[in-house]
Protein backbone atom coordinates (compact mmCIF):
# COMPACT_ATOMS: atom_id res chain seq x y z
CA UNK A 1 205.43 31.12 -222.39
CA UNK A 2 206.85 32.52 -219.34
CA UNK A 3 203.80 34.92 -219.12
CA UNK A 4 201.40 32.06 -219.52
CA UNK A 5 203.26 30.06 -216.96
CA UNK A 6 203.43 32.96 -214.51
CA UNK A 7 199.61 33.54 -215.01
CA UNK A 8 199.00 29.93 -214.28
CA UNK A 9 201.11 29.95 -211.05
CA UNK A 10 199.27 33.13 -209.89
CA UNK A 11 196.02 31.45 -210.57
CA UNK A 12 196.93 28.42 -208.92
CA UNK A 13 198.04 30.57 -205.78
CA UNK A 14 194.71 32.22 -205.89
CA UNK A 15 192.67 28.95 -205.81
CA UNK A 16 194.98 27.82 -202.72
CA UNK A 17 194.25 31.25 -200.92
CA UNK A 18 190.49 30.92 -201.77
CA UNK A 19 190.40 27.27 -200.34
CA UNK A 20 192.33 28.46 -197.19
CA UNK A 21 190.03 31.56 -196.53
CA UNK A 22 187.76 31.55 -193.73
CA UNK A 23 184.17 30.49 -194.51
CA UNK A 24 180.86 31.10 -192.76
CA UNK A 25 178.85 27.89 -191.99
CA UNK A 26 176.82 28.21 -195.27
CA UNK A 27 180.16 28.17 -197.28
CA UNK A 28 180.30 31.95 -198.07
CA UNK A 29 183.68 33.75 -197.50
CA UNK A 30 183.98 35.67 -194.33
CA UNK A 31 184.82 39.22 -195.34
CA UNK A 32 188.08 40.84 -194.70
CA UNK A 33 186.36 43.25 -192.35
CA UNK A 34 186.22 40.71 -189.70
CA UNK A 35 190.15 40.39 -189.71
CA UNK A 36 190.71 44.23 -189.02
CA UNK A 37 191.29 44.52 -185.33
CA UNK A 38 192.94 47.78 -185.25
CA UNK A 39 192.49 49.77 -182.16
CA UNK A 40 190.55 52.78 -181.83
CA UNK A 41 192.80 56.07 -182.16
CA UNK A 42 190.66 58.96 -180.90
CA UNK A 43 193.26 61.44 -182.37
CA UNK A 44 191.86 60.41 -185.70
CA UNK A 45 188.23 61.16 -184.68
CA UNK A 46 188.29 64.92 -184.52
CA UNK A 47 188.45 67.49 -182.05
CA UNK A 48 188.49 66.52 -178.22
CA UNK A 49 185.88 67.83 -176.00
CA UNK A 50 186.63 67.15 -172.35
CA UNK A 51 183.57 67.53 -170.19
CA UNK A 52 185.47 69.05 -167.33
CA UNK A 53 186.47 71.94 -169.54
CA UNK A 54 182.70 72.69 -170.09
CA UNK A 55 181.48 73.04 -166.50
CA UNK A 56 180.88 69.45 -165.64
CA UNK A 57 182.14 68.90 -162.06
CA UNK A 58 183.51 65.78 -160.57
CA UNK A 59 180.77 65.88 -157.96
CA UNK A 60 179.58 62.30 -158.12
CA UNK A 61 176.45 62.99 -156.25
CA UNK A 62 175.05 65.49 -158.68
CA UNK A 63 173.19 64.36 -161.76
CA UNK A 64 174.55 66.23 -164.71
CA UNK A 65 172.86 65.00 -167.73
CA UNK A 66 171.98 68.51 -169.07
CA UNK A 67 175.69 69.53 -168.79
CA UNK A 68 177.30 66.47 -170.53
CA UNK A 69 174.38 66.67 -173.21
CA UNK A 70 175.47 70.29 -174.10
CA UNK A 71 178.92 69.13 -174.69
CA UNK A 72 177.68 66.54 -177.14
CA UNK A 73 175.57 68.97 -178.73
CA UNK A 74 178.40 71.34 -179.02
CA UNK A 75 180.72 68.77 -180.66
CA UNK A 76 178.16 67.90 -183.14
CA UNK A 77 177.31 71.56 -184.07
CA UNK A 78 181.04 72.21 -184.46
CA UNK A 79 181.33 69.47 -186.98
CA UNK A 80 181.91 66.45 -184.56
CA UNK A 81 184.64 65.26 -182.33
CA UNK A 82 185.32 63.10 -179.09
CA UNK A 83 183.67 63.60 -175.74
CA UNK A 84 186.24 63.00 -173.33
CA UNK A 85 185.24 61.57 -169.75
CA UNK A 86 188.34 62.33 -167.49
CA UNK A 87 189.26 60.56 -164.27
CA UNK A 88 186.34 60.69 -161.62
CA UNK A 89 182.86 59.68 -161.33
CA UNK A 90 180.10 61.38 -163.26
CA UNK A 91 176.36 61.00 -162.60
CA UNK A 92 173.93 61.11 -165.57
CA UNK A 93 170.67 59.96 -167.04
CA UNK A 94 170.04 59.39 -170.78
CA UNK A 95 172.73 60.79 -173.15
CA UNK A 96 171.93 61.07 -176.86
CA UNK A 97 175.01 61.01 -179.29
CA UNK A 98 174.70 62.60 -182.60
CA UNK A 99 176.46 61.97 -186.08
CA UNK A 100 179.90 62.72 -185.98
CA UNK A 101 180.45 62.45 -182.13
CA UNK A 102 182.14 59.77 -180.15
CA UNK A 103 182.70 58.83 -176.51
CA UNK A 104 186.06 57.94 -174.72
CA UNK A 105 186.53 57.18 -170.92
CA UNK A 106 189.95 57.71 -169.76
CA UNK A 107 191.76 55.54 -167.09
CA UNK A 108 189.83 56.13 -163.87
CA UNK A 109 186.75 57.62 -165.63
CA UNK A 110 183.31 56.51 -164.58
CA UNK A 111 180.06 57.42 -166.26
CA UNK A 112 177.57 56.31 -163.75
CA UNK A 113 173.65 56.08 -164.39
CA UNK A 114 171.23 57.54 -162.21
CA UNK A 115 168.90 55.19 -160.20
CA UNK A 116 166.08 57.57 -160.70
CA UNK A 117 163.99 56.42 -163.66
CA UNK A 118 162.73 59.84 -164.29
CA UNK A 119 166.22 60.82 -165.75
CA UNK A 120 165.69 58.35 -168.62
CA UNK A 121 163.03 59.68 -170.75
CA UNK A 122 160.26 57.66 -172.86
CA UNK A 123 161.12 57.33 -176.62
CA UNK A 124 160.13 55.19 -179.37
CA UNK A 125 162.65 52.46 -179.23
CA UNK A 126 163.24 48.79 -179.44
CA UNK A 127 162.71 46.30 -176.42
CA UNK A 128 162.06 42.59 -176.36
CA UNK A 129 161.24 42.07 -180.11
CA UNK A 130 158.76 45.01 -180.28
CA UNK A 131 159.06 48.80 -181.35
CA UNK A 132 157.34 50.66 -178.75
CA UNK A 133 157.67 53.55 -176.28
CA UNK A 134 160.10 52.59 -173.62
CA UNK A 135 162.82 54.30 -171.42
CA UNK A 136 165.88 55.34 -173.26
CA UNK A 137 169.18 53.84 -172.27
CA UNK A 138 172.09 55.41 -170.50
CA UNK A 139 174.13 55.82 -173.65
CA UNK A 140 172.07 56.15 -176.96
CA UNK A 141 173.23 56.69 -180.55
CA UNK A 142 170.50 56.36 -183.47
CA UNK A 143 171.49 56.80 -187.05
CA UNK A 144 175.19 57.47 -186.10
CA UNK A 145 177.40 55.90 -188.66
CA UNK A 146 181.04 55.57 -187.40
CA UNK A 147 180.23 55.70 -183.87
CA UNK A 148 182.80 54.78 -181.42
CA UNK A 149 182.85 53.91 -177.70
CA UNK A 150 186.22 53.46 -176.16
CA UNK A 151 188.00 53.04 -172.87
CA UNK A 152 189.80 51.92 -170.59
CA UNK A 153 187.10 53.60 -168.23
CA UNK A 154 183.86 52.31 -166.88
CA UNK A 155 180.29 52.80 -167.66
CA UNK A 156 178.41 51.72 -164.50
CA UNK A 157 174.65 51.16 -164.64
CA UNK A 158 174.09 51.66 -160.98
CA UNK A 159 171.62 48.76 -161.28
CA UNK A 160 171.02 47.91 -157.51
CA UNK A 161 168.17 49.94 -156.79
CA UNK A 162 166.41 48.70 -159.94
CA UNK A 163 167.26 45.14 -159.26
CA UNK A 164 165.69 45.23 -155.85
CA UNK A 165 162.73 46.93 -157.02
CA UNK A 166 162.17 44.05 -159.78
CA UNK A 167 162.58 41.38 -157.43
CA UNK A 168 160.05 42.90 -155.01
CA UNK A 169 157.63 43.33 -157.79
CA UNK A 170 158.01 39.81 -158.83
CA UNK A 171 157.38 38.66 -155.18
CA UNK A 172 154.05 40.58 -155.26
CA UNK A 173 152.99 39.64 -158.91
CA UNK A 174 154.77 36.53 -160.06
CA UNK A 175 153.27 37.13 -163.27
CA UNK A 176 154.99 40.59 -163.96
CA UNK A 177 157.21 40.83 -167.25
CA UNK A 178 160.52 42.28 -167.60
CA UNK A 179 159.15 45.48 -168.74
CA UNK A 180 156.69 45.82 -165.92
CA UNK A 181 159.41 47.22 -163.68
CA UNK A 182 160.83 50.56 -165.06
CA UNK A 183 164.42 50.11 -165.67
CA UNK A 184 166.93 51.46 -168.44
CA UNK A 185 169.59 49.74 -170.55
CA UNK A 186 173.20 50.62 -170.28
CA UNK A 187 173.88 51.08 -174.16
CA UNK A 188 171.45 51.16 -177.15
CA UNK A 189 172.72 51.75 -180.64
CA UNK A 190 170.39 51.60 -183.41
CA UNK A 191 170.18 52.20 -187.23
CA UNK A 192 174.02 52.64 -187.35
CA UNK A 193 176.80 51.20 -189.43
CA UNK A 194 180.62 50.86 -188.68
CA UNK A 195 180.17 50.94 -184.96
CA UNK A 196 183.29 50.19 -182.66
CA UNK A 197 182.88 49.51 -178.64
CA UNK A 198 186.40 48.67 -177.35
CA UNK A 199 188.37 48.68 -174.06
CA UNK A 200 185.65 49.61 -171.73
CA UNK A 201 184.28 47.88 -168.52
CA UNK A 202 180.40 48.00 -168.73
CA UNK A 203 179.03 46.70 -165.38
CA UNK A 204 175.85 46.66 -163.12
CA UNK A 205 173.46 47.50 -166.04
CA UNK A 206 169.65 47.75 -164.65
CA UNK A 207 168.39 45.81 -167.79
CA UNK A 208 170.03 44.55 -170.95
CA UNK A 209 173.71 45.70 -171.20
CA UNK A 210 174.45 46.29 -174.96
CA UNK A 211 171.52 46.26 -177.26
CA UNK A 212 172.29 46.79 -181.08
CA UNK A 213 169.41 47.19 -183.34
CA UNK A 214 169.38 47.25 -187.01
CA UNK A 215 173.13 47.96 -187.31
CA UNK A 216 175.86 46.70 -189.82
CA UNK A 217 179.66 46.29 -189.14
CA UNK A 218 179.88 46.31 -185.37
CA UNK A 219 182.95 45.33 -183.56
CA UNK A 220 182.87 44.75 -179.75
CA UNK A 221 186.44 44.32 -178.83
CA UNK A 222 188.27 43.63 -175.36
CA UNK A 223 185.21 44.63 -173.27
CA UNK A 224 184.60 43.62 -169.65
CA UNK A 225 180.92 42.84 -169.17
CA UNK A 226 179.52 42.21 -165.78
CA UNK A 227 176.59 42.05 -163.59
CA UNK A 228 176.14 40.09 -160.39
CA UNK A 229 174.21 36.82 -159.99
CA UNK A 230 174.36 37.33 -156.11
CA UNK A 231 173.69 38.55 -153.48
CA UNK A 232 171.15 40.36 -155.42
CA UNK A 233 170.46 39.02 -159.14
CA UNK A 234 170.63 41.43 -161.94
CA UNK A 235 167.44 40.35 -163.81
CA UNK A 236 167.72 40.21 -167.48
CA UNK A 237 171.15 41.95 -167.67
CA UNK A 238 172.21 40.21 -171.02
CA UNK A 239 175.88 41.10 -172.15
CA UNK A 240 174.97 41.73 -175.86
CA UNK A 241 171.76 41.52 -177.47
CA UNK A 242 171.84 41.60 -181.26
CA UNK A 243 168.56 42.35 -182.80
CA UNK A 244 168.12 42.46 -186.70
CA UNK A 245 172.01 43.05 -187.41
CA UNK A 246 174.37 41.97 -189.93
CA UNK A 247 178.27 41.59 -189.57
CA UNK A 248 178.79 41.72 -185.88
CA UNK A 249 182.16 40.77 -184.43
CA UNK A 250 182.58 40.06 -180.79
CA UNK A 251 186.34 39.47 -180.01
CA UNK A 252 188.54 39.33 -176.78
CA UNK A 253 185.65 39.92 -174.38
CA UNK A 254 184.68 39.01 -171.02
CA UNK A 255 181.15 38.30 -170.06
CA UNK A 256 179.56 37.36 -166.86
CA UNK A 257 175.79 38.36 -166.29
CA UNK A 258 172.76 37.27 -164.60
CA UNK A 259 171.26 36.21 -168.16
CA UNK A 260 172.21 35.43 -171.63
CA UNK A 261 175.73 36.55 -172.45
CA UNK A 262 175.17 36.79 -176.34
CA UNK A 263 171.49 36.85 -177.40
CA UNK A 264 170.23 37.01 -180.86
CA UNK A 265 166.91 38.74 -181.20
CA UNK A 266 164.93 39.98 -184.04
CA UNK A 267 161.12 39.98 -183.37
CA UNK A 268 158.32 37.91 -182.00
CA UNK A 269 154.51 37.13 -182.57
CA UNK A 270 152.68 35.08 -185.49
CA UNK A 271 153.40 37.91 -188.02
CA UNK A 272 156.93 38.79 -186.74
CA UNK A 273 158.44 37.77 -190.17
CA UNK A 274 156.17 40.27 -192.07
CA UNK A 275 156.76 43.14 -189.79
CA UNK A 276 159.28 45.67 -191.39
CA UNK A 277 160.54 46.78 -187.85
CA UNK A 278 161.81 43.19 -187.27
CA UNK A 279 164.52 41.17 -189.15
CA UNK A 280 167.18 38.35 -188.99
CA UNK A 281 170.78 38.43 -187.87
CA UNK A 282 173.33 37.28 -190.17
CA UNK A 283 177.07 36.85 -190.15
CA UNK A 284 177.94 36.89 -186.45
CA UNK A 285 181.37 35.99 -185.08
CA UNK A 286 182.04 35.55 -181.33
CA UNK A 287 185.60 34.71 -180.81
CA UNK A 288 188.56 34.35 -178.29
CA UNK A 289 186.03 35.45 -175.41
CA UNK A 290 186.02 34.28 -171.82
CA UNK A 291 182.58 33.72 -170.09
CA UNK A 292 181.81 33.72 -166.37
CA UNK A 293 178.30 32.94 -164.84
CA UNK A 294 175.60 33.48 -167.41
CA UNK A 295 172.38 31.53 -168.21
CA UNK A 296 173.67 30.70 -171.78
CA UNK A 297 176.92 31.54 -173.50
CA UNK A 298 175.06 31.71 -176.89
CA UNK A 299 171.28 31.77 -177.18
CA UNK A 300 168.90 32.10 -180.17
CA UNK A 301 165.86 33.70 -178.88
CA UNK A 302 163.57 34.33 -177.01
CA UNK A 303 162.49 37.16 -179.52
CA UNK A 304 163.99 35.97 -182.79
CA UNK A 305 162.78 34.86 -186.14
CA UNK A 306 166.02 34.14 -188.20
CA UNK A 307 169.70 33.55 -187.33
CA UNK A 308 172.05 32.65 -190.14
CA UNK A 309 175.85 32.19 -190.30
CA UNK A 310 176.63 32.48 -186.55
CA UNK A 311 180.10 31.33 -185.52
CA UNK A 312 181.09 30.96 -181.85
CA UNK A 313 184.80 29.69 -181.40
CA UNK A 314 188.03 29.65 -179.47
CA UNK A 315 186.47 30.60 -175.95
CA UNK A 316 186.37 29.27 -172.57
CA UNK A 317 183.16 29.16 -170.43
CA UNK A 318 182.97 28.77 -166.67
CA UNK A 319 179.76 28.25 -164.82
CA UNK A 320 177.45 28.79 -167.68
CA UNK A 321 174.15 27.27 -167.32
CA UNK A 322 174.01 26.37 -171.10
CA UNK A 323 176.58 26.58 -173.85
CA UNK A 324 174.06 26.81 -176.57
CA UNK A 325 170.33 27.58 -176.13
CA UNK A 326 167.81 27.30 -178.85
CA UNK A 327 164.66 28.93 -177.58
CA UNK A 328 161.68 27.68 -179.52
CA UNK A 329 158.59 30.09 -179.26
CA UNK A 330 155.27 28.61 -180.03
CA UNK A 331 154.05 31.93 -180.96
CA UNK A 332 156.58 32.80 -183.61
CA UNK A 333 157.94 31.42 -186.98
CA UNK A 334 161.63 30.88 -186.43
CA UNK A 335 164.46 29.58 -188.40
CA UNK A 336 168.08 29.10 -186.69
CA UNK A 337 170.40 27.82 -189.39
CA UNK A 338 174.10 27.54 -190.33
CA UNK A 339 175.43 27.96 -186.57
CA UNK A 340 178.81 26.71 -185.82
CA UNK A 341 180.40 26.28 -182.14
CA UNK A 342 184.08 25.26 -182.20
CA UNK A 343 187.21 24.91 -180.07
CA UNK A 344 185.50 25.62 -176.76
CA UNK A 345 186.68 24.43 -173.36
CA UNK A 346 185.26 24.71 -169.76
CA UNK A 347 182.02 23.85 -168.02
CA UNK A 348 178.28 24.46 -168.33
CA UNK A 349 175.23 22.77 -166.70
CA UNK A 350 173.94 21.93 -170.33
CA UNK A 351 175.85 21.24 -173.58
CA UNK A 352 172.76 21.95 -175.71
CA UNK A 353 169.51 23.03 -174.57
CA UNK A 354 166.52 23.00 -176.91
CA UNK A 355 162.96 23.50 -175.41
CA UNK A 356 159.70 25.36 -176.24
CA UNK A 357 160.01 28.89 -174.98
CA UNK A 358 156.42 29.44 -173.57
CA UNK A 359 157.11 32.34 -171.07
CA UNK A 360 154.84 35.25 -171.86
CA UNK A 361 153.90 33.88 -175.33
CA UNK A 362 150.76 35.22 -176.94
CA UNK A 363 149.30 33.49 -180.31
CA UNK A 364 147.22 36.75 -180.80
CA UNK A 365 144.13 34.61 -182.01
CA UNK A 366 146.26 32.43 -184.18
CA UNK A 367 144.45 28.98 -184.08
CA UNK A 368 147.56 27.05 -183.59
CA UNK A 369 151.42 27.15 -182.53
CA UNK A 370 153.77 28.39 -185.39
CA UNK A 371 156.20 26.01 -187.10
CA UNK A 372 159.91 26.51 -186.35
CA UNK A 373 163.27 24.78 -187.42
CA UNK A 374 166.83 24.55 -186.47
CA UNK A 375 169.29 23.11 -188.97
CA UNK A 376 172.98 23.01 -189.88
CA UNK A 377 174.08 23.24 -186.43
CA UNK A 378 177.61 22.14 -185.98
CA UNK A 379 179.23 21.66 -182.43
CA UNK A 380 182.85 20.24 -182.72
CA UNK A 381 186.33 20.35 -180.94
CA UNK A 382 184.54 21.02 -177.56
CA UNK A 383 186.00 19.77 -174.18
CA UNK A 384 183.41 20.38 -171.58
CA UNK A 385 182.34 19.29 -168.05
CA UNK A 386 178.62 19.48 -167.76
CA UNK A 387 175.72 18.13 -165.66
CA UNK A 388 173.66 17.11 -168.99
CA UNK A 389 175.05 16.68 -172.18
CA UNK A 390 171.75 16.94 -174.33
CA UNK A 391 168.82 18.66 -172.82
CA UNK A 392 166.45 18.42 -175.76
CA UNK A 393 162.66 18.21 -175.59
CA UNK A 394 160.88 16.58 -178.60
CA UNK A 395 158.04 18.81 -179.97
CA UNK A 396 155.82 18.75 -182.89
CA UNK A 397 156.18 22.55 -182.85
CA UNK A 398 159.58 22.44 -184.34
CA UNK A 399 162.06 20.47 -186.65
CA UNK A 400 165.63 19.74 -185.85
CA UNK A 401 167.80 18.66 -188.73
CA UNK A 402 171.34 18.45 -190.01
CA UNK A 403 173.02 18.70 -186.67
CA UNK A 404 176.94 17.58 -186.54
CA UNK A 405 178.48 16.59 -183.30
CA UNK A 406 182.28 15.83 -183.71
CA UNK A 407 185.40 15.80 -181.70
CA UNK A 408 183.49 15.98 -178.45
CA UNK A 409 185.16 15.28 -175.01
CA UNK A 410 182.31 15.61 -172.53
CA UNK A 411 182.20 14.72 -168.62
CA UNK A 412 178.52 14.61 -167.78
CA UNK A 413 176.35 13.76 -164.86
CA UNK A 414 173.50 12.78 -167.35
CA UNK A 415 174.13 11.12 -170.62
CA UNK A 416 170.89 11.09 -172.55
CA UNK A 417 171.07 9.10 -175.73
CA UNK A 418 171.86 10.98 -178.83
CA UNK A 419 168.33 12.03 -180.15
CA UNK A 420 168.70 10.43 -183.63
CA UNK A 421 165.12 9.78 -183.82
CA UNK A 422 163.95 13.25 -183.95
CA UNK A 423 167.20 15.09 -185.21
CA UNK A 424 166.96 14.32 -188.79
CA UNK A 425 170.20 13.71 -190.40
CA UNK A 426 172.21 13.78 -187.27
CA UNK A 427 175.99 12.97 -187.69
CA UNK A 428 178.40 12.29 -185.28
CA UNK A 429 182.02 11.50 -184.95
CA UNK A 430 184.72 10.97 -182.37
CA UNK A 431 182.42 11.54 -179.35
CA UNK A 432 183.85 10.58 -175.81
CA UNK A 433 181.34 10.90 -173.03
CA UNK A 434 182.25 9.77 -169.54
CA UNK A 435 180.72 10.31 -165.98
CA UNK A 436 181.64 13.87 -164.65
CA UNK A 437 183.94 12.13 -161.93
CA UNK A 438 186.21 10.70 -164.63
CA UNK A 439 188.64 12.21 -166.75
CA UNK A 440 188.88 12.20 -170.58
CA UNK A 441 192.49 11.35 -171.95
CA UNK A 442 193.29 14.33 -174.07
């Protein structure tokens, strides 16, 4: 009898634990992997290769790409290890990490990108929802499972010359695209699993800062990511671009960039959902972060086909232009679903922004815009100052359904009516919206 009773108690406790387990928005359990925030211990990653021991000098004016790459190659040939950047500034073009290798920047160490585009070779890569030949990033890792990038040093993209050239070209040709002006990304990691990036400062990227493509189990932890919005704007310097990935955890990071902070990518075009180079994003958690200026704290698009189980929580925003931005492309079939934003405070120009995204779109001969939809979007427990509460454009191109607004304390200059007429199955509870000059009693 005691055995049966004991088994019953164990089963009851298991049920309680399961009911208390953190869940993704679609109700599936969040894997335990997301709770493992253990710091990177480079002493467990193999032999250390300090670049200054291999002929790399602290002459910050000398581009030493070949010398640093030789250290990476040696570490790989010897069976793997950690490339150590010591205190000092080291100038480089594209570096390519190989299986078994890692990168660690010590206190005061700066890996600085060259401002000469010829130091970044053309490679088959991924850029703006396309697989094509484009310039390699400063730090590249393709097919490097277990890859780690750790700090407390700095990776500096040295982007000023690239930014000036971009804006000059845009002044000359207002129709030029992002990729018309040649510039590299800061970090590009592709086709890699169990990746960790922690502790570093990632600053002044010429283009996107951290681009992840077809990766699984990636943790970005305690990063400082910055690019300026003035006096020279850093164009398209997204903090994190997640492109056809699964299980990505962004925690404890500061992000302030002159574009989207976290952008979910995946592909674009009328047949994007049938292209094996493309893909959706699933199981993404962004939590305990702080945001400075950015175009949007969380963005679906602009090159995106399917995002599911996205959580953004326990964070503070300051001077974001949008809290959540759903970019709806007329030339791409899109599905954004099971997205949760909760426990957020601060200020943003727009609480929720949903509009057709028509910049540089191309139907490629398709006779009509492609239908898209966003559903099961929950925004709750949010205390925000904003200029516009809801900035949503009605469109026959997309369907919005199953939205939940709950426990919102909003101070807004513009209070548009809740769009119950074109958000199907809109649910709302405990929403306080007052003029921006007033205060909400907490």
